[in-house]
Amino acid sequence: MSYPKVNDEEITRRGKELYEKSIRTQVETPENIGKIISINVETGEYEIGDDLVVTSLRLRAKQADAAVWAEKIGFNAVYAVGGTLVRTA
């Protein structure tokens, strides 16, 4: 099994930065709200779909050691346990 070259904190930082600065305006459309986006934080490539595992595996098929960060498009988290998801602007 291959592992990412960067640590979890760096994956999160890069993922959020990529999403906010260059990806969000392209993908946050009515048809994508609520879908999962998985981003390879090293290449900027991303996959959108209904399932976190599927989108992550698509990225890892291209690069086995991809550092992947995910988000639910239009919301503040991917999943909510014991709470509710908050819709972002």
PDB file of N, CA and C in Angstrom:
ATOM      1  N   MET A   1       0.836  -1.185   0.000  1.00  0.00           N
ATOM      2  CA  MET A   1       0.000   0.000   0.000  1.00  0.00           C
ATOM      3  C   MET A   1       0.882   1.251   0.000  1.00  0.00           C
ATOM      4  N   SER A   2       0.544   2.215  -0.813  1.00  0.00           N
ATOM      5  CA  SER A   2       1.288   3.473  -0.882  1.00  0.00           C
ATOM      6  C   SER A   2       0.652   4.508   0.036  1.00  0.00           C
ATOM      7  N   TYR A   3       1.483   5.371   0.600  1.00  0.00           N
ATOM      8  CA  TYR A   3       1.008   6.406   1.497  1.00  0.00           C
ATOM      9  C   TYR A   3       1.421   7.779   0.980  1.00  0.00           C
ATOM     10  N   PRO A   4       0.619   8.817   1.283  1.00  0.00           N
ATOM     11  CA  PRO A   4       0.969  10.179   0.860  1.00  0.00           C
ATOM     12  C   PRO A   4       2.307  10.615   1.438  1.00  0.00           C
ATOM     13  N   LYS A   5       2.939  11.545   0.754  1.00  0.00           N
ATOM     14  CA  LYS A   5       4.244  12.065   1.173  1.00  0.00           C
ATOM     15  C   LYS A   5       4.115  13.210   2.183  1.00  0.00           C
ATOM     16  N   VAL A   6       2.908  13.709   2.398  1.00  0.00           N
ATOM     17  CA  VAL A   6       2.694  14.829   3.321  1.00  0.00           C
ATOM     18  C   VAL A   6       1.807  14.387   4.487  1.00  0.00           C
ATOM     19  N   ASN A   7       1.915  15.094   5.619  1.00  0.00           N
ATOM     20  CA  ASN A   7       1.138  14.712   6.803  1.00  0.00           C
ATOM     21  C   ASN A   7      -0.311  15.215   6.721  1.00  0.00           C
ATOM     22  N   ASP A   8      -1.122  14.749   7.656  1.00  0.00           N
ATOM     23  CA  ASP A   8      -2.558  15.060   7.651  1.00  0.00           C
ATOM     24  C   ASP A   8      -2.851  16.556   7.712  1.00  0.00           C
ATOM     25  N   GLU A   9      -2.112  17.271   8.532  1.00  0.00           N
ATOM     26  CA  GLU A   9      -2.344  18.713   8.674  1.00  0.00           C
ATOM     27  C   GLU A   9      -2.069  19.444   7.359  1.00  0.00           C
ATOM     28  N   GLU A  10      -1.006  19.028   6.681  1.00  0.00           N
ATOM     29  CA  GLU A  10      -0.656  19.657   5.409  1.00  0.00           C
ATOM     30  C   GLU A  10      -1.678  19.309   4.328  1.00  0.00           C
ATOM     31  N   ILE A  11      -2.181  18.086   4.350  1.00  0.00           N
ATOM     32  CA  ILE A  11      -3.227  17.694   3.398  1.00  0.00           C
ATOM     33  C   ILE A  11      -4.455  18.574   3.592  1.00  0.00           C
ATOM     34  N   THR A  12      -4.855  18.766   4.848  1.00  0.00           N
ATOM     35  CA  THR A  12      -6.016  19.611   5.146  1.00  0.00           C
ATOM     36  C   THR A  12      -5.784  21.046   4.703  1.00  0.00           C
ATOM     37  N   ARG A  13      -4.634  21.598   5.027  1.00  0.00           N
ATOM     38  CA  ARG A  13      -4.326  22.987   4.657  1.00  0.00           C
ATOM     39  C   ARG A  13      -4.372  23.167   3.145  1.00  0.00           C
ATOM     40  N   ARG A  14      -3.688  22.278   2.437  1.00  0.00           N
ATOM     41  CA  ARG A  14      -3.642  22.378   0.967  1.00  0.00           C
ATOM     42  C   ARG A  14      -5.018  22.153   0.346  1.00  0.00           C
ATOM     43  N   GLY A  15      -5.753  21.180   0.869  1.00  0.00           N
ATOM     44  CA  GLY A  15      -7.077  20.885   0.321  1.00  0.00           C
ATOM     45  C   GLY A  15      -8.025  22.073   0.438  1.00  0.00           C
ATOM     46  N   LYS A  16      -8.079  22.663   1.626  1.00  0.00           N
ATOM     47  CA  LYS A  16      -8.938  23.832   1.841  1.00  0.00           C
ATOM     48  C   LYS A  16      -8.511  24.994   0.954  1.00  0.00           C
ATOM     49  N   GLU A  17      -7.203  25.210   0.869  1.00  0.00           N
ATOM     50  CA  GLU A  17      -6.686  26.313   0.052  1.00  0.00           C
ATOM     51  C   GLU A  17      -7.015  26.117  -1.428  1.00  0.00           C
ATOM     52  N   LEU A  18      -6.778  24.927  -1.949  1.00  0.00           N
ATOM     53  CA  LEU A  18      -7.105  24.646  -3.355  1.00  0.00           C
ATOM     54  C   LEU A  18      -8.585  24.841  -3.622  1.00  0.00           C
ATOM     55  N   TYR A  19      -9.410  24.303  -2.727  1.00  0.00           N
ATOM     56  CA  TYR A  19     -10.853  24.401  -2.923  1.00  0.00           C
ATOM     57  C   TYR A  19     -11.306  25.857  -2.947  1.00  0.00           C
ATOM     58  N   GLU A  20     -10.883  26.623  -1.969  1.00  0.00           N
ATOM     59  CA  GLU A  20     -11.325  28.020  -1.856  1.00  0.00           C
ATOM     60  C   GLU A  20     -10.772  28.911  -2.964  1.00  0.00           C
ATOM     61  N   LYS A  21      -9.500  28.731  -3.323  1.00  0.00           N
ATOM     62  CA  LYS A  21      -8.860  29.638  -4.276  1.00  0.00           C
ATOM     63  C   LYS A  21      -9.086  29.303  -5.741  1.00  0.00           C
ATOM     64  N   SER A  22      -9.231  28.024  -6.081  1.00  0.00           N
ATOM     65  CA  SER A  22      -9.295  27.722  -7.515  1.00  0.00           C
ATOM     66  C   SER A  22     -10.371  26.741  -7.951  1.00  0.00           C
ATOM     67  N   ILE A  23     -10.976  26.002  -7.021  1.00  0.00           N
ATOM     68  CA  ILE A  23     -11.922  24.965  -7.445  1.00  0.00           C
ATOM     69  C   ILE A  23     -13.368  25.341  -7.143  1.00  0.00           C
ATOM     70  N   ARG A  24     -13.612  25.969  -6.023  1.00  0.00           N
ATOM     71  CA  ARG A  24     -14.976  26.233  -5.552  1.00  0.00           C
ATOM     72  C   ARG A  24     -15.864  26.900  -6.600  1.00  0.00           C
ATOM     73  N   THR A  25     -15.371  27.940  -7.237  1.00  0.00           N
ATOM     74  CA  THR A  25     -16.206  28.674  -8.197  1.00  0.00           C
ATOM     75  C   THR A  25     -16.585  27.818  -9.409  1.00  0.00           C
ATOM     76  N   GLN A  26     -15.772  26.810  -9.710  1.00  0.00           N
ATOM     77  CA  GLN A  26     -16.056  25.934 -10.844  1.00  0.00           C
ATOM     78  C   GLN A  26     -17.075  24.853 -10.506  1.00  0.00           C
ATOM     79  N   VAL A  27     -17.055  24.363  -9.267  1.00  0.00           N
ATOM     80  CA  VAL A  27     -17.851  23.180  -8.938  1.00  0.00           C
ATOM     81  C   VAL A  27     -19.091  23.446  -8.097  1.00  0.00           C
ATOM     82  N   GLU A  28     -19.169  24.585  -7.424  1.00  0.00           N
ATOM     83  CA  GLU A  28     -20.300  24.841  -6.543  1.00  0.00           C
ATOM     84  C   GLU A  28     -21.485  25.355  -7.360  1.00  0.00           C
ATOM     85  N   THR A  29     -22.076  24.424  -8.092  1.00  0.00           N
ATOM     86  CA  THR A  29     -23.224  24.702  -8.948  1.00  0.00           C
ATOM     87  C   THR A  29     -24.436  23.959  -8.390  1.00  0.00           C
ATOM     88  N   PRO A  30     -25.645  24.382  -8.748  1.00  0.00           N
ATOM     89  CA  PRO A  30     -26.834  23.721  -8.201  1.00  0.00           C
ATOM     90  C   PRO A  30     -26.825  22.195  -8.353  1.00  0.00           C
ATOM     91  N   GLU A  31     -26.336  21.686  -9.475  1.00  0.00           N
ATOM     92  CA  GLU A  31     -26.345  20.227  -9.676  1.00  0.00           C
ATOM     93  C   GLU A  31     -25.297  19.502  -8.834  1.00  0.00           C
ATOM     94  N   ASN A  32     -24.302  20.217  -8.323  1.00  0.00           N
ATOM     95  CA  ASN A  32     -23.257  19.582  -7.511  1.00  0.00           C
ATOM     96  C   ASN A  32     -23.436  19.747  -6.011  1.00  0.00           C
ATOM     97  N   ILE A  33     -24.337  20.631  -5.562  1.00  0.00           N
ATOM     98  CA  ILE A  33     -24.525  20.850  -4.127  1.00  0.00           C
ATOM     99  C   ILE A  33     -24.895  19.526  -3.465  1.00  0.00           C
ATOM    100  N   GLY A  34     -24.143  19.185  -2.421  1.00  0.00           N
ATOM    101  CA  GLY A  34     -24.382  17.950  -1.677  1.00  0.00           C
ATOM    102  C   GLY A  34     -23.553  16.773  -2.154  1.00  0.00           C
ATOM    103  N   LYS A  35     -22.873  16.912  -3.285  1.00  0.00           N
ATOM    104  CA  LYS A  35     -22.005  15.840  -3.770  1.00  0.00           C
ATOM    105  C   LYS A  35     -20.640  15.940  -3.079  1.00  0.00           C
ATOM    106  N   ILE A  36     -19.875  14.867  -3.174  1.00  0.00           N
ATOM    107  CA  ILE A  36     -18.545  14.808  -2.583  1.00  0.00           C
ATOM    108  C   ILE A  36     -17.508  15.206  -3.627  1.00  0.00           C
ATOM    109  N   ILE A  37     -16.546  16.022  -3.211  1.00  0.00           N
ATOM    110  CA  ILE A  37     -15.390  16.317  -4.059  1.00  0.00           C
ATOM    111  C   ILE A  37     -14.156  15.824  -3.327  1.00  0.00           C
ATOM    112  N   SER A  38     -13.369  15.011  -4.006  1.00  0.00           N
ATOM    113  CA  SER A  38     -12.084  14.553  -3.486  1.00  0.00           C
ATOM    114  C   SER A  38     -10.999  15.207  -4.332  1.00  0.00           C
ATOM    115  N   ILE A  39     -10.006  15.783  -3.656  1.00  0.00           N
ATOM    116  CA  ILE A  39      -8.962  16.549  -4.331  1.00  0.00           C
ATOM    117  C   ILE A  39      -7.596  15.944  -4.023  1.00  0.00           C
ATOM    118  N   ASN A  40      -6.796  15.722  -5.063  1.00  0.00           N
ATOM    119  CA  ASN A  40      -5.394  15.349  -4.886  1.00  0.00           C
ATOM    120  C   ASN A  40      -4.665  16.663  -4.617  1.00  0.00           C
ATOM    121  N   VAL A  41      -4.199  16.844  -3.384  1.00  0.00           N
ATOM    122  CA  VAL A  41      -3.631  18.138  -3.007  1.00  0.00           C
ATOM    123  C   VAL A  41      -2.257  18.384  -3.607  1.00  0.00           C
ATOM    124  N   GLU A  42      -1.665  17.376  -4.214  1.00  0.00           N
ATOM    125  CA  GLU A  42      -0.368  17.559  -4.857  1.00  0.00           C
ATOM    126  C   GLU A  42      -0.509  17.989  -6.311  1.00  0.00           C
ATOM    127  N   THR A  43      -1.553  17.529  -6.981  1.00  0.00           N
ATOM    128  CA  THR A  43      -1.721  17.833  -8.402  1.00  0.00           C
ATOM    129  C   THR A  43      -2.866  18.799  -8.683  1.00  0.00           C
ATOM    130  N   GLY A  44      -3.811  18.925  -7.743  1.00  0.00           N
ATOM    131  CA  GLY A  44      -4.983  19.763  -7.966  1.00  0.00           C
ATOM    132  C   GLY A  44      -6.104  19.045  -8.713  1.00  0.00           C
ATOM    133  N   GLU A  45      -5.854  17.801  -9.137  1.00  0.00           N
ATOM    134  CA  GLU A  45      -6.912  17.035  -9.800  1.00  0.00           C
ATOM    135  C   GLU A  45      -8.015  16.735  -8.794  1.00  0.00           C
ATOM    136  N   TYR A  46      -9.243  16.628  -9.278  1.00  0.00           N
ATOM    137  CA  TYR A  46     -10.343  16.292  -8.378  1.00  0.00           C
ATOM    138  C   TYR A  46     -11.365  15.422  -9.081  1.00  0.00           C
ATOM    139  N   GLU A  47     -12.160  14.736  -8.245  1.00  0.00           N
ATOM    140  CA  GLU A  47     -13.254  13.898  -8.707  1.00  0.00           C
ATOM    141  C   GLU A  47     -14.491  14.277  -7.916  1.00  0.00           C
ATOM    142  N   ILE A  48     -15.639  14.298  -8.580  1.00  0.00           N
ATOM    143  CA  ILE A  48     -16.907  14.616  -7.942  1.00  0.00           C
ATOM    144  C   ILE A  48     -17.829  13.414  -8.093  1.00  0.00           C
ATOM    145  N   GLY A  49     -18.543  13.102  -7.029  1.00  0.00           N
ATOM    146  CA  GLY A  49     -19.494  11.997  -7.085  1.00  0.00           C
ATOM    147  C   GLY A  49     -20.343  11.950  -5.829  1.00  0.00           C
ATOM    148  N   ASP A  50     -21.106  10.876  -5.708  1.00  0.00           N
ATOM    149  CA  ASP A  50     -21.992  10.719  -4.560  1.00  0.00           C
ATOM    150  C   ASP A  50     -21.354   9.954  -3.411  1.00  0.00           C
ATOM    151  N   ASP A  51     -20.180   9.361  -3.642  1.00  0.00           N
ATOM    152  CA  ASP A  51     -19.568   8.487  -2.655  1.00  0.00           C
ATOM    153  C   ASP A  51     -18.103   8.860  -2.421  1.00  0.00           C
ATOM    154  N   LEU A  52     -17.736   9.071  -1.168  1.00  0.00           N
ATOM    155  CA  LEU A  52     -16.381   9.452  -0.796  1.00  0.00           C
ATOM    156  C   LEU A  52     -15.357   8.400  -1.214  1.00  0.00           C
ATOM    157  N   VAL A  53     -15.671   7.146  -0.987  1.00  0.00           N
ATOM    158  CA  VAL A  53     -14.719   6.074  -1.324  1.00  0.00           C
ATOM    159  C   VAL A  53     -14.491   6.017  -2.829  1.00  0.00           C
ATOM    160  N   VAL A  54     -15.544   6.118  -3.603  1.00  0.00           N
ATOM    161  CA  VAL A  54     -15.433   6.037  -5.059  1.00  0.00           C
ATOM    162  C   VAL A  54     -14.599   7.187  -5.613  1.00  0.00           C
ATOM    163  N   THR A  55     -14.865   8.408  -5.157  1.00  0.00           N
ATOM    164  CA  THR A  55     -14.112   9.548  -5.676  1.00  0.00           C
ATOM    165  C   THR A  55     -12.636   9.464  -5.282  1.00  0.00           C
ATOM    166  N   SER A  56     -12.366   9.003  -4.068  1.00  0.00           N
ATOM    167  CA  SER A  56     -10.978   8.848  -3.625  1.00  0.00           C
ATOM    168  C   SER A  56     -10.264   7.759  -4.416  1.00  0.00           C
ATOM    169  N   LEU A  57     -10.941   6.648  -4.658  1.00  0.00           N
ATOM    170  CA  LEU A  57     -10.329   5.557  -5.423  1.00  0.00           C
ATOM    171  C   LEU A  57     -10.035   5.970  -6.861  1.00  0.00           C
ATOM    172  N   ARG A  58     -10.893   6.803  -7.444  1.00  0.00           N
ATOM    173  CA  ARG A  58     -10.624   7.289  -8.801  1.00  0.00           C
ATOM    174  C   ARG A  58      -9.319   8.080  -8.854  1.00  0.00           C
ATOM    175  N   LEU A  59      -9.094   8.918  -7.832  1.00  0.00           N
ATOM    176  CA  LEU A  59      -7.841   9.676  -7.776  1.00  0.00           C
ATOM    177  C   LEU A  59      -6.652   8.762  -7.537  1.00  0.00           C
ATOM    178  N   ARG A  60      -6.812   7.785  -6.664  1.00  0.00           N
ATOM    179  CA  ARG A  60      -5.710   6.868  -6.358  1.00  0.00           C
ATOM    180  C   ARG A  60      -5.420   5.918  -7.506  1.00  0.00           C
ATOM    181  N   ALA A  61      -6.367   5.720  -8.415  1.00  0.00           N
ATOM    182  CA  ALA A  61      -6.104   4.911  -9.615  1.00  0.00           C
ATOM    183  C   ALA A  61      -5.119   5.634 -10.523  1.00  0.00           C
ATOM    184  N   LYS A  62      -5.132   6.957 -10.472  1.00  0.00           N
ATOM    185  CA  LYS A  62      -4.212   7.770 -11.282  1.00  0.00           C
ATOM    186  C   LYS A  62      -2.853   7.923 -10.601  1.00  0.00           C
ATOM    187  N   GLN A  63      -2.852   7.981  -9.249  1.00  0.00           N
ATOM    188  CA  GLN A  63      -1.626   8.154  -8.467  1.00  0.00           C
ATOM    189  C   GLN A  63      -1.826   7.418  -7.144  1.00  0.00           C
ATOM    190  N   ALA A  64      -1.192   6.279  -7.000  1.00  0.00           N
ATOM    191  CA  ALA A  64      -1.420   5.393  -5.851  1.00  0.00           C
ATOM    192  C   ALA A  64      -1.153   6.057  -4.500  1.00  0.00           C
ATOM    193  N   ASP A  65      -0.195   6.970  -4.437  1.00  0.00           N
ATOM    194  CA  ASP A  65       0.134   7.612  -3.164  1.00  0.00           C
ATOM    195  C   ASP A  65      -0.454   9.023  -3.059  1.00  0.00           C
ATOM    196  N   ALA A  66      -1.545   9.259  -3.760  1.00  0.00           N
ATOM    197  CA  ALA A  66      -2.169  10.585  -3.764  1.00  0.00           C
ATOM    198  C   ALA A  66      -2.555  11.014  -2.349  1.00  0.00           C
ATOM    199  N   ALA A  67      -2.290  12.268  -2.036  1.00  0.00           N
ATOM    200  CA  ALA A  67      -2.726  12.874  -0.782  1.00  0.00           C
ATOM    201  C   ALA A  67      -4.098  13.465  -1.064  1.00  0.00           C
ATOM    202  N   VAL A  68      -5.149  12.823  -0.561  1.00  0.00           N
ATOM    203  CA  VAL A  68      -6.524  13.175  -0.922  1.00  0.00           C
ATOM    204  C   VAL A  68      -7.228  13.869   0.236  1.00  0.00           C
ATOM    205  N   TRP A  69      -7.868  14.972  -0.085  1.00  0.00           N
ATOM    206  CA  TRP A  69      -8.703  15.718   0.853  1.00  0.00           C
ATOM    207  C   TRP A  69     -10.103  15.779   0.261  1.00  0.00           C
ATOM    208  N   ALA A  70     -11.135  15.679   1.091  1.00  0.00           N
ATOM    209  CA  ALA A  70     -12.510  15.651   0.578  1.00  0.00           C
ATOM    210  C   ALA A  70     -13.410  16.632   1.319  1.00  0.00           C
ATOM    211  N   GLU A  71     -14.471  17.024   0.630  1.00  0.00           N
ATOM    212  CA  GLU A  71     -15.466  17.943   1.181  1.00  0.00           C
ATOM    213  C   GLU A  71     -16.804  17.650   0.518  1.00  0.00           C
ATOM    214  N   LYS A  72     -17.881  17.989   1.226  1.00  0.00           N
ATOM    215  CA  LYS A  72     -19.217  17.924   0.622  1.00  0.00           C
ATOM    216  C   LYS A  72     -19.466  19.295   0.029  1.00  0.00           C
ATOM    217  N   ILE A  73     -19.692  19.356  -1.255  1.00  0.00           N
ATOM    218  CA  ILE A  73     -19.845  20.636  -1.953  1.00  0.00           C
ATOM    219  C   ILE A  73     -21.039  21.405  -1.385  1.00  0.00           C
ATOM    220  N   GLY A  74     -20.746  22.631  -0.952  1.00  0.00           N
ATOM    221  CA  GLY A  74     -21.775  23.510  -0.429  1.00  0.00           C
ATOM    222  C   GLY A  74     -22.066  23.349   1.044  1.00  0.00           C
ATOM    223  N   PHE A  75     -21.308  22.495   1.739  1.00  0.00           N
ATOM    224  CA  PHE A  75     -21.533  22.272   3.163  1.00  0.00           C
ATOM    225  C   PHE A  75     -20.224  22.385   3.935  1.00  0.00           C
ATOM    226  N   ASN A  76     -20.338  22.459   5.262  1.00  0.00           N
ATOM    227  CA  ASN A  76     -19.163  22.661   6.109  1.00  0.00           C
ATOM    228  C   ASN A  76     -18.450  21.375   6.505  1.00  0.00           C
ATOM    229  N   ALA A  77     -18.983  20.217   6.152  1.00  0.00           N
ATOM    230  CA  ALA A  77     -18.370  18.934   6.483  1.00  0.00           C
ATOM    231  C   ALA A  77     -18.828  17.887   5.483  1.00  0.00           C
ATOM    232  N   VAL A  78     -18.124  16.754   5.452  1.00  0.00           N
ATOM    233  CA  VAL A  78     -18.527  15.671   4.558  1.00  0.00           C
ATOM    234  C   VAL A  78     -19.703  14.936   5.159  1.00  0.00           C
ATOM    235  N   TYR A  79     -19.607  14.592   6.442  1.00  0.00           N
ATOM    236  CA  TYR A  79     -20.674  13.879   7.146  1.00  0.00           C
ATOM    237  C   TYR A  79     -20.879  14.518   8.506  1.00  0.00           C
ATOM    238  N   ALA A  80     -22.056  14.349   9.081  1.00  0.00           N
ATOM    239  CA  ALA A  80     -22.332  14.840  10.423  1.00  0.00           C
ATOM    240  C   ALA A  80     -22.753  13.662  11.291  1.00  0.00           C
ATOM    241  N   VAL A  81     -22.081  13.504  12.423  1.00  0.00           N
ATOM    242  CA  VAL A  81     -22.426  12.457  13.375  1.00  0.00           C
ATOM    243  C   VAL A  81     -22.942  13.152  14.628  1.00  0.00           C
ATOM    244  N   GLY A  82     -24.204  12.942  14.944  1.00  0.00           N
ATOM    245  CA  GLY A  82     -24.777  13.563  16.124  1.00  0.00           C
ATOM    246  C   GLY A  82     -25.008  15.047  15.985  1.00  0.00           C
ATOM    247  N   GLY A  83     -25.061  15.555  14.778  1.00  0.00           N
ATOM    248  CA  GLY A  83     -25.291  16.977  14.537  1.00  0.00           C
ATOM    249  C   GLY A  83     -25.884  17.176  13.166  1.00  0.00           C
ATOM    250  N   THR A  84     -25.780  18.366  12.669  1.00  0.00           N
ATOM    251  CA  THR A  84     -26.312  18.637  11.338  1.00  0.00           C
ATOM    252  C   THR A  84     -25.245  19.326  10.485  1.00  0.00           C
ATOM    253  N   LEU A  85     -25.338  19.122   9.202  1.00  0.00           N
ATOM    254  CA  LEU A  85     -24.460  19.818   8.282  1.00  0.00           C
ATOM    255  C   LEU A  85     -24.967  21.234   8.106  1.00  0.00           C
ATOM    256  N   VAL A  86     -24.048  22.159   7.975  1.00  0.00           N
ATOM    257  CA  VAL A  86     -24.399  23.561   7.779  1.00  0.00           C
ATOM    258  C   VAL A  86     -24.083  23.939   6.341  1.00  0.00           C
ATOM    259  N   ARG A  87     -25.049  24.517   5.663  1.00  0.00           N
ATOM    260  CA  ARG A  87     -24.875  24.957   4.272  1.00  0.00           C
ATOM    261  C   ARG A  87     -24.018  26.208   4.266  1.00  0.00           C
ATOM    262  N   THR A  88     -22.965  26.205   3.440  1.00  0.00           N
ATOM    263  CA  THR A  88     -22.105  27.373   3.309  1.00  0.00           C
ATOM    264  C   THR A  88     -22.645  28.267   2.183  1.00  0.00           C
ATOM    265  N   ALA A  89     -22.223  29.536   2.201  1.00  0.00           N
ATOM    266  CA  ALA A  89     -22.704  30.483   1.194  1.00  0.00           C
ATOM    267  C   ALA A  89     -22.107  30.202  -0.156  1.00  0.00           C
TER     268      ALA A  89
END
